[in-house]
C-alpha atoms as a PDB file:
ATOM      1  CA  MET A   1      41.327  11.739 -29.603  1.00  0.00           C
ATOM      2  CA  ARG A   2      40.349  12.481 -26.216  1.00  0.00           C
ATOM      3  CA  PHE A   3      37.027  14.120 -27.477  1.00  0.00           C
ATOM      4  CA  LEU A   4      36.798  11.093 -29.828  1.00  0.00           C
ATOM      5  CA  HIS A   5      37.078   8.274 -27.178  1.00  0.00           C
ATOM      6  CA  PHE A   6      34.845  11.042 -24.892  1.00  0.00           C
ATOM      7  CA  ILE A   7      31.833  10.991 -26.992  1.00  0.00           C
ATOM      8  CA  GLN A   8      32.145   6.724 -27.865  1.00  0.00           C
ATOM      9  CA  ARG A   9      31.807   6.222 -23.929  1.00  0.00           C
ATOM     10  CA  TYR A  10      29.135   9.046 -23.871  1.00  0.00           C
ATOM     11  CA  LEU A  11      26.519   7.577 -26.435  1.00  0.00           C
ATOM     12  CA  LYS A  12      28.039   3.718 -24.833  1.00  0.00           C
ATOM     13  CA  ALA A  13      26.933   4.807 -21.723  1.00  0.00           C
ATOM     14  CA  THR A  14      23.430   6.426 -23.267  1.00  0.00           C
ATOM     15  CA  GLN A  15      22.717   2.920 -24.935  1.00  0.00           C
ATOM     16  CA  LEU A  16      23.043   1.265 -21.324  1.00  0.00           C
ATOM     17  CA  GLY A  17      20.973   3.881 -19.430  1.00  0.00           C
ATOM     18  CA  LEU A  18      18.150   3.464 -22.415  1.00  0.00           C
ATOM     19  CA  ILE A  19      18.274  -0.748 -22.397  1.00  0.00           C
ATOM     20  CA  SER A  20      19.325  -1.551 -19.424  1.00  0.00           C
ATOM     21  CA  PRO A  21      16.580  -0.485 -16.846  1.00  0.00           C
ATOM     22  CA  PHE A  22      14.646  -2.810 -18.947  1.00  0.00           C
ATOM     23  CA  ARG A  23      16.317  -5.615 -19.162  1.00  0.00           C
ATOM     24  CA  ILE A  24      17.066  -5.572 -15.942  1.00  0.00           C
ATOM     25  CA  ALA A  25      13.110  -5.016 -14.809  1.00  0.00           C
ATOM     26  CA  TYR A  26      12.630  -8.325 -17.415  1.00  0.00           C
ATOM     27  CA  ASP A  27      14.891 -10.215 -15.839  1.00  0.00           C
ATOM     28  CA  ASN A  28      13.903 -10.075 -12.287  1.00  0.00           C
ATOM     29  CA  ARG A  29      10.395  -9.864 -13.282  1.00  0.00           C
ATOM     30  CA  TYR A  30       8.752 -12.103 -10.981  1.00  0.00           C
ATOM     31  CA  LEU A  31      10.972 -10.282  -8.538  1.00  0.00           C
ATOM     32  CA  LEU A  32       9.496  -7.486  -9.064  1.00  0.00           C
ATOM     33  CA  THR A  33       5.795  -8.403  -9.004  1.00  0.00           C
ATOM     34  CA  LEU A  34       6.680 -10.255  -5.858  1.00  0.00           C
ATOM     35  CA  LEU A  35       8.022  -6.424  -4.584  1.00  0.00           C
ATOM     36  CA  ILE A  36       4.924  -4.907  -6.241  1.00  0.00           C
ATOM     37  CA  LYS A  37       2.835  -6.918  -4.029  1.00  0.00           C
ATOM     38  CA  ARG A  38       4.828  -5.822  -1.215  1.00  0.00           C
ATOM     39  CA  ASP A  39       4.400  -2.371  -1.243  1.00  0.00           C
ATOM     40  CA  VAL A  40       0.765  -2.468  -1.979  1.00  0.00           C
ATOM     41  CA  ILE A  41       0.366  -4.414   0.766  1.00  0.00           C
ATOM     42  CA  SER A  42       2.259  -2.413   3.526  1.00  0.00           C
ATOM     43  CA  ARG A  43       0.727   0.663   2.437  1.00  0.00           C
ATOM     44  CA  THR A  44      -2.797  -0.404   2.697  1.00  0.00           C
ATOM     45  CA  SER A  45      -2.764  -3.495   4.626  1.00  0.00           C
ATOM     46  CA  GLY A  46      -5.257  -3.528   7.699  1.00  0.00           C
ATOM     47  CA  THR A  47      -8.258  -0.869   6.015  1.00  0.00           C
ATOM     48  CA  LEU A  48     -11.339  -1.987   4.768  1.00  0.00           C
ATOM     49  CA  LEU A  49     -11.000  -0.927   1.152  1.00  0.00           C
ATOM     50  CA  GLY A  50      -7.481  -2.322   0.629  1.00  0.00           C
ATOM     51  CA  ASP A  51      -5.797  -1.846  -2.692  1.00  0.00           C
ATOM     52  CA  ALA A  52      -8.537   0.484  -3.913  1.00  0.00           C
ATOM     53  CA  TRP A  53      -7.255   3.398  -1.827  1.00  0.00           C
ATOM     54  CA  LEU A  54      -4.148   3.543  -4.008  1.00  0.00           C
ATOM     55  CA  LEU A  55      -6.720   4.748  -6.744  1.00  0.00           C
ATOM     56  CA  PHE A  56      -8.569   7.004  -4.882  1.00  0.00           C
ATOM     57  CA  GLN A  57      -5.900   8.912  -2.731  1.00  0.00           C
ATOM     58  CA  PRO A  58      -5.381  11.117  -6.231  1.00  0.00           C
ATOM     59  CA  ALA A  59      -8.268  11.017  -6.954  1.00  0.00           C
ATOM     60  CA  LEU A  60      -9.554  12.248  -3.669  1.00  0.00           C
ATOM     61  CA  GLN A  61      -6.962  14.823  -4.022  1.00  0.00           C
ATOM     62  CA  ILE A  62      -8.104  16.110  -7.144  1.00  0.00           C
ATOM     63  CA  ILE A  63     -11.810  15.960  -5.857  1.00  0.00           C
ATOM     64  CA  GLY A  64     -10.716  18.208  -3.201  1.00  0.00           C
ATOM     65  CA  PHE A  65      -8.821  20.877  -5.357  1.00  0.00           C
ATOM     66  CA  TRP A  66     -11.652  20.517  -8.373  1.00  0.00           C
ATOM     67  CA  PHE A  67     -14.387  21.915  -4.819  1.00  0.00           C
ATOM     68  CA  LEU A  68     -11.997  24.364  -4.024  1.00  0.00           C
ATOM     69  CA  LEU A  69     -11.488  25.711  -7.233  1.00  0.00           C
ATOM     70  CA  ASP A  70     -14.878  25.039  -9.204  1.00  0.00           C
ATOM     71  CA  ILE A  71     -17.024  24.924  -6.015  1.00  0.00           C
ATOM     72  CA  VAL A  72     -16.124  27.386  -3.083  1.00  0.00           C
ATOM     73  CA  LEU A  73     -13.611  29.886  -4.896  1.00  0.00           C
ATOM     74  CA  LYS A  74     -15.313  29.804  -8.533  1.00  0.00           C
ATOM     75  CA  VAL A  75     -12.139  30.533 -10.370  1.00  0.00           C
ATOM     76  CA  LYS A  76     -11.918  31.877 -13.866  1.00  0.00           C
ATOM     77  CA  PHE A  77      -9.285  32.360 -16.156  1.00  0.00           C
ATOM     78  CA  PRO A  78     -10.322  36.025 -17.988  1.00  0.00           C
ATOM     79  CA  ARG A  79     -10.251  34.665 -21.291  1.00  0.00           C
ATOM     80  CA  GLY A  80     -12.924  32.125 -21.452  1.00  0.00           C
ATOM     81  CA  ILE A  81     -10.623  28.662 -21.196  1.00  0.00           C
ATOM     82  CA  ASP A  82     -11.938  27.040 -18.222  1.00  0.00           C
ATOM     83  CA  PHE A  83      -9.787  27.227 -15.300  1.00  0.00           C
ATOM     84  CA  VAL A  84     -10.321  23.681 -13.396  1.00  0.00           C
ATOM     85  CA  ASP A  85      -9.958  22.240 -16.365  1.00  0.00           C
ATOM     86  CA  TYR A  86      -6.335  23.519 -17.571  1.00  0.00           C
ATOM     87  CA  PHE A  87      -5.393  23.226 -13.514  1.00  0.00           C
ATOM     88  CA  LEU A  88      -6.920  19.412 -12.885  1.00  0.00           C
ATOM     89  CA  ILE A  89      -5.430  18.360 -16.425  1.00  0.00           C
ATOM     90  CA  GLY A  90      -1.662  19.526 -15.264  1.00  0.00           C
ATOM     91  CA  MET A  91      -2.002  19.122 -11.327  1.00  0.00           C
ATOM     92  CA  LEU A  92      -2.275  15.137 -11.852  1.00  0.00           C
ATOM     93  CA  PRO A  93       0.657  14.660 -13.876  1.00  0.00           C
ATOM     94  CA  TRP A  94       2.090  16.786 -11.226  1.00  0.00           C
ATOM     95  CA  LEU A  95       1.686  14.874  -8.398  1.00  0.00           C
ATOM     96  CA  PHE A  96       2.409  11.929 -10.363  1.00  0.00           C
ATOM     97  CA  ILE A  97       5.539  13.781 -10.700  1.00  0.00           C
ATOM     98  CA  ALA A  98       6.223  14.962  -7.195  1.00  0.00           C
ATOM     99  CA  GLU A  99       5.480  11.361  -5.676  1.00  0.00           C
ATOM    100  CA  MET A 100       7.990   9.909  -8.004  1.00  0.00           C
ATOM    101  CA  LEU A 101      10.760  11.879  -7.172  1.00  0.00           C
ATOM    102  CA  SER A 102      10.438  12.002  -3.442  1.00  0.00           C
ATOM    103  CA  ARG A 103      10.332   8.671  -2.839  1.00  0.00           C
ATOM    104  CA  SER A 104      13.377   7.895  -5.417  1.00  0.00           C
ATOM    105  CA  LEU A 105      14.980   9.744  -2.353  1.00  0.00           C
ATOM    106  CA  GLY A 106      14.746   6.950   0.205  1.00  0.00           C
ATOM    107  CA  ILE A 107      13.801   3.838  -1.904  1.00  0.00           C
ATOM    108  CA  LEU A 108      17.202   2.490  -0.933  1.00  0.00           C
ATOM    109  CA  ILE A 109      16.524   2.876   2.673  1.00  0.00           C
ATOM    110  CA  GLU A 110      13.165   2.156   2.717  1.00  0.00           C
ATOM    111  CA  PHE A 111      14.329  -1.586   1.153  1.00  0.00           C
ATOM    112  CA  SER A 112      17.633  -1.895   2.752  1.00  0.00           C
ATOM    113  CA  SER A 113      16.482  -4.924   4.362  1.00  0.00           C
ATOM    114  CA  LEU A 114      16.378  -6.703   0.941  1.00  0.00           C
ATOM    115  CA  TYR A 115      19.984  -6.291  -0.015  1.00  0.00           C
ATOM    116  CA  ARG A 116      21.832  -5.280   3.000  1.00  0.00           C
ATOM    117  CA  ARG A 117      22.926  -9.257   3.774  1.00  0.00           C
ATOM    118  CA  ALA A 118      22.408 -10.855   0.384  1.00  0.00           C
ATOM    119  CA  VAL A 119      22.420 -10.557  -3.173  1.00  0.00           C
ATOM    120  CA  PHE A 120      20.395  -8.402  -4.591  1.00  0.00           C
ATOM    121  CA  PRO A 121      19.484  -6.884  -7.968  1.00  0.00           C
ATOM    122  CA  ILE A 122      19.093  -3.223  -6.735  1.00  0.00           C
ATOM    123  CA  ALA A 123      19.083  -1.564  -9.906  1.00  0.00           C
ATOM    124  CA  ILE A 124      14.953  -2.784  -9.792  1.00  0.00           C
ATOM    125  CA  LEU A 125      14.416  -0.892  -6.744  1.00  0.00           C
ATOM    126  CA  PRO A 126      14.289   3.071  -8.822  1.00  0.00           C
ATOM    127  CA  LEU A 127      11.638   1.289 -10.784  1.00  0.00           C
ATOM    128  CA  LEU A 128       9.273  -0.184  -8.233  1.00  0.00           C
ATOM    129  CA  PRO A 129       7.351   3.013  -7.425  1.00  0.00           C
ATOM    130  CA  LEU A 130       7.636   4.065 -10.930  1.00  0.00           C
ATOM    131  CA  LEU A 131       5.758   1.249 -12.526  1.00  0.00           C
ATOM    132  CA  LEU A 132       2.930   1.118  -9.400  1.00  0.00           C
ATOM    133  CA  SER A 133       2.200   4.811  -9.566  1.00  0.00           C
ATOM    134  CA  THR A 134       2.326   4.882 -13.577  1.00  0.00           C
ATOM    135  CA  ALA A 135      -0.544   2.125 -13.629  1.00  0.00           C
ATOM    136  CA  LEU A 136      -2.760   4.021 -10.747  1.00  0.00           C
ATOM    137  CA  TYR A 137      -2.242   7.624 -11.886  1.00  0.00           C
ATOM    138  CA  SER A 138      -2.890   6.038 -16.000  1.00  0.00           C
ATOM    139  CA  VAL A 139      -6.444   5.050 -14.815  1.00  0.00           C
ATOM    140  CA  VAL A 140      -7.076   8.090 -12.760  1.00  0.00           C
ATOM    141  CA  MET A 141      -5.759  10.442 -15.801  1.00  0.00           C
ATOM    142  CA  ILE A 142      -7.775   8.700 -18.217  1.00  0.00           C
ATOM    143  CA  VAL A 143     -10.946   9.020 -15.943  1.00  0.00           C
ATOM    144  CA  ILE A 144     -10.141  12.635 -15.265  1.00  0.00           C
ATOM    145  CA  VAL A 145      -9.422  13.354 -18.697  1.00  0.00           C
ATOM    146  CA  GLY A 146     -12.283  11.805 -20.156  1.00  0.00           C
ATOM    147  CA  LEU A 147     -14.797  13.274 -17.621  1.00  0.00           C
ATOM    148  CA  LEU A 148     -13.342  17.033 -18.189  1.00  0.00           C
ATOM    149  CA  GLN A 149     -12.701  17.086 -21.881  1.00  0.00           C
ATOM    150  CA  GLY A 150     -14.287  14.113 -23.624  1.00  0.00           C
ATOM    151  CA  VAL A 151     -14.043  10.260 -25.119  1.00  0.00           C
ATOM    152  CA  SER A 152     -12.016  12.203 -27.868  1.00  0.00           C
ATOM    153  CA  ALA A 153      -9.709  13.107 -25.210  1.00  0.00           C
ATOM    154  CA  ILE A 154      -8.537   9.997 -24.508  1.00  0.00           C
ATOM    155  CA  PRO A 155      -5.876   8.740 -26.607  1.00  0.00           C
ATOM    156  CA  ALA A 156      -3.807  11.466 -25.570  1.00  0.00           C
ATOM    157  CA  ALA A 157      -4.231  10.802 -21.544  1.00  0.00           C
ATOM    158  CA  VAL A 158      -3.384   7.432 -22.401  1.00  0.00           C
ATOM    159  CA  ILE A 159       0.257   7.724 -22.961  1.00  0.00           C
ATOM    160  CA  ILE A 160       1.012  11.008 -20.659  1.00  0.00           C
ATOM    161  CA  ILE A 161       1.493   9.287 -17.593  1.00  0.00           C
ATOM    162  CA  PRO A 162       4.027   6.183 -19.186  1.00  0.00           C
ATOM    163  CA  VAL A 163       5.639   8.577 -21.143  1.00  0.00           C
ATOM    164  CA  VAL A 164       6.479  10.933 -17.696  1.00  0.00           C
ATOM    165  CA  ALA A 165       7.345   8.030 -16.550  1.00  0.00           C
ATOM    166  CA  LEU A 166       9.845   7.544 -18.973  1.00  0.00           C
ATOM    167  CA  TRP A 167      11.127  10.793 -18.743  1.00  0.00           C
ATOM    168  CA  LEU A 168      11.396  10.631 -15.271  1.00  0.00           C
ATOM    169  CA  MET A 169      13.716   7.309 -15.387  1.00  0.00           C
ATOM    170  CA  PRO A 170      16.963   8.565 -15.050  1.00  0.00           C
ATOM    171  CA  ILE A 171      16.391  11.475 -12.450  1.00  0.00           C
ATOM    172  CA  CYS A 172      14.570   8.687 -10.251  1.00  0.00           C
ATOM    173  CA  TYR A 173      18.132   6.389 -10.645  1.00  0.00           C
ATOM    174  CA  SER A 174      20.120   9.913  -9.713  1.00  0.00           C
ATOM    175  CA  LEU A 175      17.717  10.491  -6.807  1.00  0.00           C
ATOM    176  CA  ALA A 176      17.830   6.846  -5.381  1.00  0.00           C
ATOM    177  CA  VAL A 177      21.747   7.674  -5.394  1.00  0.00           C
ATOM    178  CA  ILE A 178      21.931  11.116  -3.839  1.00  0.00           C
ATOM    179  CA  GLY A 179      19.313  10.169  -1.136  1.00  0.00           C
ATOM    180  CA  LEU A 180      21.156   7.460   0.280  1.00  0.00           C
ATOM    181  CA  PHE A 181      24.805   8.855  -0.234  1.00  0.00           C
ATOM    182  CA  LEU A 182      23.709  12.988   0.905  1.00  0.00           C
ATOM    183  CA  LYS A 183      20.650  12.466   3.596  1.00  0.00           C
ATOM    184  CA  ASP A 184      20.589  16.060   3.847  1.00  0.00           C
ATOM    185  CA  ILE A 185      18.541  16.701   0.750  1.00  0.00           C
ATOM    186  CA  ALA A 186      15.302  15.451   2.086  1.00  0.00           C
ATOM    187  CA  GLN A 187      15.256  17.866   4.405  1.00  0.00           C
ATOM    188  CA  PHE A 188      15.604  20.415   1.584  1.00  0.00           C
ATOM    189  CA  PHE A 189      13.410  18.772  -1.153  1.00  0.00           C
ATOM    190  CA  PRO A 190       9.978  19.177  -0.242  1.00  0.00           C
ATOM    191  CA  PHE A 191      10.308  23.301  -0.721  1.00  0.00           C
ATOM    192  CA  LEU A 192      12.265  22.740  -3.824  1.00  0.00           C
ATOM    193  CA  ILE A 193       9.326  20.675  -5.198  1.00  0.00           C
ATOM    194  CA  THR A 194       6.888  23.446  -3.959  1.00  0.00           C
ATOM    195  CA  VAL A 195       9.139  25.867  -5.737  1.00  0.00           C
ATOM    196  CA  THR A 196       9.241  24.266  -8.748  1.00  0.00           C
ATOM    197  CA  LEU A 197       5.331  23.571  -8.217  1.00  0.00           C
ATOM    198  CA  TYR A 198       4.685  27.628  -8.254  1.00  0.00           C
ATOM    199  CA  LEU A 199       7.141  28.211 -11.053  1.00  0.00           C
ATOM    200  CA  THR A 200       5.726  25.533 -13.264  1.00  0.00           C
ATOM    201  CA  PRO A 201       2.207  27.067 -15.634  1.00  0.00           C
ATOM    202  CA  ILE A 202      -0.096  24.560 -13.637  1.00  0.00           C
ATOM    203  CA  LEU A 203      -1.866  27.665 -11.423  1.00  0.00           C
ATOM    204  CA  TYR A 204      -1.451  29.779 -14.529  1.00  0.00           C
ATOM    205  CA  MET A 205      -1.459  29.663 -17.922  1.00  0.00           C
ATOM    206  CA  PRO A 206       1.964  30.153 -19.426  1.00  0.00           C
ATOM    207  CA  ASP A 207       1.372  33.980 -20.938  1.00  0.00           C
ATOM    208  CA  LEU A 208       0.495  35.074 -17.633  1.00  0.00           C
ATOM    209  CA  MET A 209       3.776  35.031 -16.330  1.00  0.00           C
ATOM    210  CA  PRO A 210       5.345  38.081 -15.678  1.00  0.00           C
ATOM    211  CA  GLU A 211       7.751  39.271 -18.735  1.00  0.00           C
ATOM    212  CA  PRO A 212      10.857  39.681 -16.658  1.00  0.00           C
ATOM    213  CA  MET A 213      10.170  36.236 -15.183  1.00  0.00           C
ATOM    214  CA  LYS A 214       9.757  34.199 -18.381  1.00  0.00           C
ATOM    215  CA  TRP A 215      13.073  32.664 -18.523  1.00  0.00           C
ATOM    216  CA  VAL A 216      12.075  30.274 -15.919  1.00  0.00           C
ATOM    217  CA  LEU A 217       9.852  28.943 -18.147  1.00  0.00           C
ATOM    218  CA  VAL A 218      12.714  28.157 -20.171  1.00  0.00           C
ATOM    219  CA  LEU A 219      14.798  26.740 -17.827  1.00  0.00           C
ATOM    220  CA  ASN A 220      12.120  24.623 -16.012  1.00  0.00           C
ATOM    221  CA  PRO A 221      11.947  21.636 -17.792  1.00  0.00           C
ATOM    222  CA  ILE A 222       8.522  20.200 -15.787  1.00  0.00           C
ATOM    223  CA  ALA A 223       7.143  23.714 -17.777  1.00  0.00           C
ATOM    224  CA  ASP A 224       7.826  22.100 -20.829  1.00  0.00           C
ATOM    225  CA  VAL A 225       5.903  18.789 -20.418  1.00  0.00           C
ATOM    226  CA  MET A 226       3.111  20.785 -18.890  1.00  0.00           C
ATOM    227  CA  ALA A 227       2.593  22.480 -22.105  1.00  0.00           C
ATOM    228  CA  LEU A 228       2.755  19.361 -24.099  1.00  0.00           C
ATOM    229  CA  ILE A 229       0.491  17.531 -21.581  1.00  0.00           C
ATOM    230  CA  HIS A 230      -2.095  20.745 -22.268  1.00  0.00           C
ATOM    231  CA  ALA A 231      -1.545  20.764 -26.136  1.00  0.00           C
ATOM    232  CA  GLY A 232      -2.350  17.264 -26.437  1.00  0.00           C
ATOM    233  CA  VAL A 233      -5.480  17.148 -24.184  1.00  0.00           C
ATOM    234  CA  GLN A 234      -6.958  20.550 -24.549  1.00  0.00           C
ATOM    235  CA  ASP A 235      -5.121  21.647 -28.355  1.00  0.00           C
ATOM    236  CA  LEU A 236      -3.544  24.410 -26.444  1.00  0.00           C
ATOM    237  CA  HIS A 237      -0.395  26.233 -27.669  1.00  0.00           C
ATOM    238  CA  TRP A 238       2.992  24.653 -27.949  1.00  0.00           C
ATOM    239  CA  THR A 239       6.287  25.515 -29.220  1.00  0.00           C
ATOM    240  CA  LEU A 240       9.455  23.094 -30.884  1.00  0.00           C
ATOM    241  CA  GLY A 241      11.398  23.992 -27.879  1.00  0.00           C
ATOM    242  CA  ASN A 242       8.984  22.710 -25.309  1.00  0.00           C
ATOM    243  CA  LEU A 243       9.641  19.173 -27.305  1.00  0.00           C
ATOM    244  CA  LEU A 244      13.158  19.503 -28.033  1.00  0.00           C
ATOM    245  CA  ARG A 245      14.284  21.089 -24.432  1.00  0.00           C
ATOM    246  CA  PRO A 246      12.848  17.677 -22.314  1.00  0.00           C
ATOM    247  CA  ILE A 247      14.174  15.746 -25.175  1.00  0.00           C
ATOM    248  CA  LEU A 248      17.619  16.647 -25.246  1.00  0.00           C
ATOM    249  CA  LEU A 249      17.369  16.743 -20.922  1.00  0.00           C
ATOM    250  CA  TRP A 250      16.883  12.979 -21.342  1.00  0.00           C
ATOM    251  CA  LEU A 251      19.078  12.086 -23.625  1.00  0.00           C
ATOM    252  CA  LEU A 252      22.044  14.039 -22.102  1.00  0.00           C
ATOM    253  CA  PHE A 253      20.859  12.553 -18.647  1.00  0.00           C
ATOM    254  CA  ILE A 254      20.455   9.381 -19.016  1.00  0.00           C
ATOM    255  CA  GLY A 255      23.711   7.912 -19.530  1.00  0.00           C
ATOM    256  CA  PRO A 256      25.550   9.361 -16.475  1.00  0.00           C
ATOM    257  CA  ALA A 257      22.800   8.708 -14.085  1.00  0.00           C
ATOM    258  CA  TRP A 258      22.552   5.000 -14.984  1.00  0.00           C
ATOM    259  CA  VAL A 259      26.993   5.301 -14.852  1.00  0.00           C
ATOM    260  CA  LEU A 260      26.339   6.958 -11.232  1.00  0.00           C
ATOM    261  CA  PHE A 261      24.081   4.419 -10.245  1.00  0.00           C
ATOM    262  CA  CYS A 262      26.089   1.322 -11.197  1.00  0.00           C
ATOM    263  CA  ARG A 263      29.264   3.030  -9.576  1.00  0.00           C
ATOM    264  CA  SER A 264      27.710   3.241  -6.559  1.00  0.00           C
ATOM    265  CA  GLU A 265      26.081   0.186  -6.242  1.00  0.00           C
ATOM    266  CA  PRO A 266      28.986  -1.698  -4.627  1.00  0.00           C
ATOM    267  CA  HIS A 267      28.697   0.840  -2.010  1.00  0.00           C
ATOM    268  CA  VAL A 268      25.642   1.081  -0.972  1.00  0.00           C
ATOM    269  CA  ARG A 269      25.442  -1.483   1.223  1.00  0.00           C
ATOM    270  CA  GLU A 270      28.301   0.195   2.875  1.00  0.00           C
ATOM    271  CA  MET A 271      26.383   3.668   3.312  1.00  0.00           C
ATOM    272  CA  LEU A 272      23.831   1.114   6.039  1.00  0.00           C
END
């Protein structure tokens, strides 16, 4: 009976984790729009190009990588696959993932002045950078994929960043709480992000990972996400495990992540 009760509670939490962020975003859509505008202004105020810098920043990073790898180093894969195309198509979603995870750690502190002394729907804050960056990186992803792979690959490019954003949502909610209550993790997190980059097949293809280290690709869910991205855009090899592992992890995590955030919400102001 206890096990059945636990399963019922877990399924209820998962349902809430799936629905509640979208309901809260819709109910507070005008406030969310104002916060996004405020975020854009705070990041681009005083610049000549204004809002356009939000698009140019990821695009310039990609151009820098292309110049280094293709023009200067002339890196090639040994089997005829274009390394620069493979790298750039994986690196742009990775930049999106790294930005979202890093910013989620400090999002509650960043906007603490808004809710410190007044009633405020704190649950919309983790969605703020997620929504803004999803729109920006989607545009850049469509352009890059269209230039590298042609018009036929654009339909796959359209959905990549939004799907990754949906997959990241429970992680962003969890990191928002963890970053507030365990501030030391912000000092360690950049190192963790860097290590994860090296353990994800972006600078190399999955089969180039040494055989004794192949287990890392199974435990690293971002490696599965990258395999699916390359399969969708470049028609490279993927397995059923690449699809099932991220989905199962998301389904297992989304309920507890929402419960953690909701139970921590009454104590957020105390931490500030």
